[in-house]
Amino acid sequence: MPRYCLFGDTVNTASRMESTGLPYRVHVNLSTVTILHSLKEGYRFEVRGKTELKGKGVEDTYWLVGKEGFTKPLPTPPDVLPGHHRGRQSMAHTGRVGQAEYGTHRQGRAGRVWHTQAG
């Protein structure tokens, strides 16, 4: 028997984001991107694309891919899609991700990378 139970939209959203995420990736939605951008700490995001979140519909989601000035090496995410076996190539590893500054709408073939401005 659990010691506590959590209910509500935040818990449901977190569960859906986790279930559609990938190993070694930080999967966030637009509200998280907006909050981290407002901190002006240099967080970088990569557009993942449209993600079906059960019970919530389709939302644009993003990968948190780094922060300016953070130099510690990070583990390389394996090429695994949710529900697939190792060896399948994910969109993030195709090398087709365009780059743009946060707030612009220049779209690459597979998405865009947003950089917040530090300082």
N, C-alpha and C. Protein backbone atom coordinates (compact mmCIF):
# COMPACT_ATOMS: atom_id res chain seq x y z
N MET A 1 0.85 -1.18 0.00
CA MET A 1 0.00 0.00 0.00
C MET A 1 0.89 1.24 0.00
N PRO A 2 0.68 2.16 -0.94
CA PRO A 2 1.52 3.37 -0.97
C PRO A 2 1.27 4.24 0.26
N ARG A 3 2.27 5.00 0.65
CA ARG A 3 2.15 5.90 1.79
C ARG A 3 1.40 7.16 1.42
N TYR A 4 1.40 7.51 0.14
CA TYR A 4 0.67 8.69 -0.30
C TYR A 4 0.26 8.48 -1.76
N CYS A 5 -0.71 9.22 -2.19
CA CYS A 5 -1.17 9.17 -3.57
C CYS A 5 -1.16 10.57 -4.15
N LEU A 6 -0.78 10.68 -5.40
CA LEU A 6 -0.76 11.97 -6.09
C LEU A 6 -1.77 11.93 -7.22
N PHE A 7 -2.55 12.99 -7.34
CA PHE A 7 -3.56 13.08 -8.38
C PHE A 7 -3.49 14.46 -9.02
N GLY A 8 -4.05 14.58 -10.17
CA GLY A 8 -4.18 15.89 -10.80
C GLY A 8 -3.52 15.97 -12.15
N ASP A 9 -3.75 17.10 -12.82
CA ASP A 9 -3.25 17.30 -14.17
C ASP A 9 -1.73 17.27 -14.23
N THR A 10 -1.04 17.83 -13.25
CA THR A 10 0.42 17.85 -13.26
C THR A 10 0.98 16.44 -13.23
N VAL A 11 0.41 15.59 -12.40
CA VAL A 11 0.86 14.21 -12.29
C VAL A 11 0.58 13.46 -13.59
N ASN A 12 -0.60 13.67 -14.16
CA ASN A 12 -0.95 13.01 -15.42
C ASN A 12 -0.04 13.46 -16.55
N THR A 13 0.23 14.77 -16.62
CA THR A 13 1.12 15.29 -17.66
C THR A 13 2.52 14.71 -17.50
N ALA A 14 3.04 14.68 -16.28
CA ALA A 14 4.37 14.11 -16.03
C ALA A 14 4.43 12.65 -16.46
N SER A 15 3.39 11.90 -16.17
CA SER A 15 3.35 10.50 -16.56
C SER A 15 3.36 10.35 -18.08
N ARG A 16 2.59 11.17 -18.77
CA ARG A 16 2.54 11.10 -20.24
C ARG A 16 3.87 11.52 -20.85
N MET A 17 4.50 12.55 -20.30
CA MET A 17 5.79 13.00 -20.82
C MET A 17 6.85 11.91 -20.61
N GLU A 18 6.82 11.26 -19.46
CA GLU A 18 7.78 10.20 -19.17
C GLU A 18 7.57 9.02 -20.11
N SER A 19 6.32 8.66 -20.34
CA SER A 19 6.04 7.48 -21.17
C SER A 19 6.34 7.71 -22.65
N THR A 20 6.43 8.96 -23.09
CA THR A 20 6.75 9.24 -24.49
C THR A 20 8.18 9.75 -24.65
N GLY A 21 8.95 9.75 -23.57
CA GLY A 21 10.33 10.23 -23.62
C GLY A 21 11.29 9.17 -24.12
N LEU A 22 12.56 9.51 -24.08
CA LEU A 22 13.63 8.60 -24.49
C LEU A 22 14.68 8.54 -23.39
N PRO A 23 15.46 7.45 -23.32
CA PRO A 23 16.51 7.35 -22.32
C PRO A 23 17.52 8.49 -22.44
N TYR A 24 18.00 8.98 -21.32
CA TYR A 24 19.01 10.03 -21.23
C TYR A 24 18.58 11.35 -21.86
N ARG A 25 17.29 11.58 -22.02
CA ARG A 25 16.80 12.83 -22.59
C ARG A 25 15.86 13.47 -21.57
N VAL A 26 15.88 14.81 -21.50
CA VAL A 26 14.96 15.54 -20.64
C VAL A 26 13.87 16.09 -21.54
N HIS A 27 12.67 15.55 -21.40
CA HIS A 27 11.51 15.85 -22.24
C HIS A 27 10.66 16.90 -21.54
N VAL A 28 10.44 18.06 -22.19
CA VAL A 28 9.70 19.15 -21.56
C VAL A 28 8.64 19.69 -22.52
N ASN A 29 7.65 20.38 -21.96
CA ASN A 29 6.63 21.00 -22.79
C ASN A 29 6.88 22.51 -22.89
N LEU A 30 6.03 23.20 -23.63
CA LEU A 30 6.24 24.62 -23.89
C LEU A 30 6.25 25.45 -22.62
N SER A 31 5.43 25.11 -21.63
CA SER A 31 5.42 25.91 -20.40
C SER A 31 6.78 25.85 -19.69
N THR A 32 7.44 24.70 -19.72
CA THR A 32 8.77 24.58 -19.11
C THR A 32 9.79 25.37 -19.91
N VAL A 33 9.72 25.30 -21.24
CA VAL A 33 10.62 26.09 -22.09
C VAL A 33 10.46 27.58 -21.78
N THR A 34 9.22 28.03 -21.66
CA THR A 34 8.94 29.44 -21.39
C THR A 34 9.52 29.88 -20.05
N ILE A 35 9.32 29.06 -19.02
CA ILE A 35 9.84 29.39 -17.68
C ILE A 35 11.36 29.43 -17.69
N LEU A 36 12.00 28.41 -18.25
CA LEU A 36 13.47 28.38 -18.26
C LEU A 36 14.04 29.52 -19.11
N HIS A 37 13.37 29.85 -20.20
CA HIS A 37 13.82 30.99 -21.02
C HIS A 37 13.74 32.29 -20.23
N SER A 38 12.69 32.46 -19.44
CA SER A 38 12.51 33.70 -18.67
C SER A 38 13.61 33.89 -17.62
N LEU A 39 14.26 32.81 -17.20
CA LEU A 39 15.35 32.90 -16.23
C LEU A 39 16.62 33.48 -16.83
N LYS A 40 16.71 33.48 -18.16
CA LYS A 40 17.88 34.01 -18.88
C LYS A 40 19.19 33.37 -18.38
N GLU A 41 19.15 32.05 -18.25
CA GLU A 41 20.31 31.30 -17.77
C GLU A 41 21.03 30.54 -18.88
N GLY A 42 20.58 30.70 -20.12
CA GLY A 42 21.26 30.05 -21.24
C GLY A 42 20.87 28.62 -21.51
N TYR A 43 19.67 28.21 -21.11
CA TYR A 43 19.22 26.84 -21.39
C TYR A 43 18.98 26.69 -22.89
N ARG A 44 19.31 25.49 -23.43
CA ARG A 44 19.13 25.21 -24.85
C ARG A 44 18.12 24.08 -25.01
N PHE A 45 17.28 24.22 -26.02
CA PHE A 45 16.22 23.25 -26.28
C PHE A 45 16.25 22.84 -27.74
N GLU A 46 15.81 21.62 -27.99
CA GLU A 46 15.65 21.11 -29.34
C GLU A 46 14.18 20.74 -29.50
N VAL A 47 13.57 21.18 -30.57
CA VAL A 47 12.18 20.82 -30.80
C VAL A 47 12.10 19.34 -31.09
N ARG A 48 11.30 18.65 -30.32
CA ARG A 48 11.07 17.23 -30.59
C ARG A 48 10.00 17.09 -31.64
N GLY A 49 8.97 17.91 -31.53
CA GLY A 49 7.86 17.87 -32.49
C GLY A 49 6.55 17.63 -31.78
N LYS A 50 5.55 17.29 -32.56
CA LYS A 50 4.22 17.01 -32.02
C LYS A 50 4.26 15.66 -31.31
N THR A 51 3.73 15.64 -30.09
CA THR A 51 3.70 14.41 -29.30
C THR A 51 2.28 14.18 -28.81
N GLU A 52 1.76 12.99 -29.04
CA GLU A 52 0.43 12.62 -28.57
C GLU A 52 0.53 12.28 -27.08
N LEU A 53 -0.16 13.05 -26.26
CA LEU A 53 -0.19 12.80 -24.82
C LEU A 53 -1.59 12.32 -24.47
N LYS A 54 -1.69 11.05 -24.13
CA LYS A 54 -2.98 10.42 -23.86
C LYS A 54 -3.80 11.26 -22.88
N GLY A 55 -5.03 11.57 -23.27
CA GLY A 55 -5.91 12.34 -22.42
C GLY A 55 -5.70 13.84 -22.51
N LYS A 56 -4.67 14.28 -23.23
CA LYS A 56 -4.37 15.71 -23.35
C LYS A 56 -4.34 16.18 -24.80
N GLY A 57 -4.24 15.26 -25.73
CA GLY A 57 -4.17 15.63 -27.14
C GLY A 57 -2.73 15.71 -27.62
N VAL A 58 -2.55 16.42 -28.72
CA VAL A 58 -1.23 16.57 -29.32
C VAL A 58 -0.63 17.90 -28.87
N GLU A 59 0.62 17.86 -28.41
CA GLU A 59 1.33 19.07 -27.96
C GLU A 59 2.71 19.11 -28.59
N ASP A 60 3.21 20.33 -28.81
CA ASP A 60 4.62 20.49 -29.18
C ASP A 60 5.44 20.20 -27.94
N THR A 61 6.45 19.34 -28.08
CA THR A 61 7.33 19.05 -26.95
C THR A 61 8.78 19.25 -27.39
N TYR A 62 9.66 19.31 -26.41
CA TYR A 62 11.04 19.72 -26.63
C TYR A 62 11.98 18.85 -25.80
N TRP A 63 13.24 18.80 -26.22
CA TRP A 63 14.30 18.20 -25.42
C TRP A 63 15.11 19.34 -24.82
N LEU A 64 15.40 19.25 -23.53
CA LEU A 64 16.37 20.15 -22.91
C LEU A 64 17.73 19.56 -23.25
N VAL A 65 18.55 20.30 -24.02
CA VAL A 65 19.79 19.72 -24.54
C VAL A 65 21.06 20.32 -23.95
N GLY A 66 20.93 21.33 -23.09
CA GLY A 66 22.13 21.87 -22.49
C GLY A 66 21.93 23.25 -21.91
N LYS A 67 23.03 23.81 -21.45
CA LYS A 67 23.03 25.14 -20.86
C LYS A 67 24.38 25.77 -21.15
N GLU A 68 24.36 27.04 -21.53
CA GLU A 68 25.61 27.75 -21.79
C GLU A 68 26.52 27.67 -20.57
N GLY A 69 27.80 27.39 -20.81
CA GLY A 69 28.77 27.33 -19.73
C GLY A 69 28.86 25.99 -19.03
N PHE A 70 27.95 25.06 -19.32
CA PHE A 70 27.99 23.73 -18.72
C PHE A 70 28.89 22.86 -19.59
N THR A 71 30.01 22.43 -19.05
CA THR A 71 30.99 21.72 -19.86
C THR A 71 31.16 20.25 -19.49
N LYS A 72 30.47 19.78 -18.47
CA LYS A 72 30.60 18.38 -18.07
C LYS A 72 30.04 17.49 -19.20
N PRO A 73 30.78 16.45 -19.59
CA PRO A 73 30.27 15.57 -20.64
C PRO A 73 29.00 14.85 -20.20
N LEU A 74 28.06 14.75 -21.11
CA LEU A 74 26.81 14.06 -20.83
C LEU A 74 26.79 12.73 -21.57
N PRO A 75 26.06 11.74 -21.04
CA PRO A 75 25.98 10.46 -21.75
C PRO A 75 25.28 10.65 -23.09
N THR A 76 25.69 9.89 -24.07
CA THR A 76 25.06 9.93 -25.37
C THR A 76 23.79 9.10 -25.33
N PRO A 77 22.65 9.70 -25.71
CA PRO A 77 21.41 8.93 -25.71
C PRO A 77 21.48 7.79 -26.72
N PRO A 78 20.99 6.62 -26.35
CA PRO A 78 20.96 5.52 -27.32
C PRO A 78 19.93 5.83 -28.40
N ASP A 79 20.11 5.24 -29.56
CA ASP A 79 19.16 5.44 -30.66
C ASP A 79 17.97 4.52 -30.47
N VAL A 80 17.05 4.93 -29.60
CA VAL A 80 15.88 4.12 -29.29
C VAL A 80 14.64 5.00 -29.35
N LEU A 81 13.63 4.54 -30.04
CA LEU A 81 12.34 5.22 -30.04
C LEU A 81 11.46 4.57 -28.99
N PRO A 82 10.52 5.34 -28.40
CA PRO A 82 9.63 4.73 -27.41
C PRO A 82 8.93 3.52 -28.02
N GLY A 83 8.94 2.42 -27.30
CA GLY A 83 8.27 1.21 -27.75
C GLY A 83 9.04 0.41 -28.79
N HIS A 84 10.26 0.82 -29.14
CA HIS A 84 11.06 0.12 -30.12
C HIS A 84 12.31 -0.44 -29.46
N HIS A 85 12.97 -1.32 -30.18
CA HIS A 85 14.18 -1.93 -29.65
C HIS A 85 15.41 -1.14 -30.04
N ARG A 86 16.49 -1.38 -29.36
CA ARG A 86 17.77 -0.74 -29.64
C ARG A 86 18.12 -0.88 -31.12
N GLY A 87 18.77 0.16 -31.65
CA GLY A 87 19.20 0.10 -33.03
C GLY A 87 18.33 0.91 -33.98
N ARG A 88 17.13 1.25 -33.58
CA ARG A 88 16.28 2.10 -34.41
C ARG A 88 16.74 3.53 -34.24
N GLN A 89 16.78 4.29 -35.31
CA GLN A 89 17.29 5.66 -35.24
C GLN A 89 16.18 6.63 -34.88
N SER A 90 16.44 7.49 -33.90
CA SER A 90 15.46 8.50 -33.51
C SER A 90 15.66 9.77 -34.31
N MET A 91 14.63 10.60 -34.38
CA MET A 91 14.69 11.86 -35.10
C MET A 91 15.84 12.72 -34.61
N ALA A 92 16.11 12.67 -33.32
CA ALA A 92 17.14 13.54 -32.74
C ALA A 92 18.54 13.17 -33.23
N HIS A 93 18.72 11.96 -33.76
CA HIS A 93 20.05 11.52 -34.16
C HIS A 93 20.24 11.48 -35.67
N THR A 94 19.31 12.06 -36.44
CA THR A 94 19.42 12.01 -37.89
C THR A 94 20.30 13.10 -38.43
N GLY A 95 20.65 14.08 -37.59
CA GLY A 95 21.47 15.19 -38.06
C GLY A 95 20.69 16.19 -38.89
N ARG A 96 19.36 16.12 -38.86
CA ARG A 96 18.54 17.01 -39.66
C ARG A 96 17.88 18.08 -38.82
N VAL A 97 18.46 18.44 -37.71
CA VAL A 97 17.85 19.44 -36.84
C VAL A 97 18.42 20.80 -37.16
N GLY A 98 17.57 21.73 -37.57
CA GLY A 98 18.00 23.09 -37.87
C GLY A 98 18.26 23.85 -36.58
N GLN A 99 18.88 25.02 -36.66
CA GLN A 99 19.15 25.80 -35.47
C GLN A 99 18.58 27.19 -35.62
N ALA A 100 18.11 27.75 -34.53
CA ALA A 100 17.57 29.11 -34.53
C ALA A 100 17.66 29.67 -33.13
N GLU A 101 17.58 30.96 -32.99
CA GLU A 101 17.54 31.58 -31.67
C GLU A 101 16.13 31.43 -31.10
N TYR A 102 16.01 31.44 -29.79
CA TYR A 102 14.72 31.33 -29.13
C TYR A 102 13.80 32.43 -29.63
N GLY A 103 12.58 32.06 -29.92
CA GLY A 103 11.59 33.04 -30.34
C GLY A 103 11.51 33.23 -31.84
N THR A 104 12.44 32.71 -32.59
CA THR A 104 12.33 32.80 -34.04
C THR A 104 11.59 31.57 -34.54
N HIS A 105 11.24 31.59 -35.78
CA HIS A 105 10.46 30.49 -36.32
C HIS A 105 11.14 29.84 -37.52
N ARG A 106 12.46 29.99 -37.64
CA ARG A 106 13.15 29.32 -38.73
C ARG A 106 13.15 27.83 -38.43
N GLN A 107 12.57 27.07 -39.28
CA GLN A 107 12.36 25.65 -39.03
C GLN A 107 13.33 24.83 -39.87
N GLY A 108 14.02 23.89 -39.23
CA GLY A 108 14.83 22.93 -39.96
C GLY A 108 13.94 21.82 -40.47
N ARG A 109 14.50 20.86 -41.16
CA ARG A 109 13.69 19.78 -41.71
C ARG A 109 13.07 18.93 -40.61
N ALA A 110 13.78 18.72 -39.52
CA ALA A 110 13.25 17.88 -38.44
C ALA A 110 12.89 18.68 -37.20
N GLY A 111 13.19 19.96 -37.17
CA GLY A 111 12.88 20.76 -36.00
C GLY A 111 13.81 21.93 -35.88
N ARG A 112 13.84 22.53 -34.72
CA ARG A 112 14.73 23.67 -34.50
C ARG A 112 15.33 23.57 -33.10
N VAL A 113 16.43 24.22 -32.91
CA VAL A 113 17.07 24.29 -31.60
C VAL A 113 16.93 25.70 -31.10
N TRP A 114 16.45 25.86 -29.89
CA TRP A 114 16.29 27.18 -29.29
C TRP A 114 17.38 27.37 -28.27
N HIS A 115 17.98 28.54 -28.28
CA HIS A 115 18.99 28.89 -27.28
C HIS A 115 18.46 30.09 -26.52
N THR A 116 18.40 29.99 -25.20
CA THR A 116 18.03 31.16 -24.41
C THR A 116 19.28 32.01 -24.26
N GLN A 117 19.09 33.26 -23.98
CA GLN A 117 20.21 34.19 -23.85
C GLN A 117 20.65 34.25 -22.39
N ALA A 118 21.89 33.93 -22.12
CA ALA A 118 22.41 34.02 -20.75
C ALA A 118 22.71 35.47 -20.43
N GLY A 119 22.56 35.82 -19.14
CA GLY A 119 22.95 37.15 -18.70
C GLY A 119 21.85 38.08 -18.49
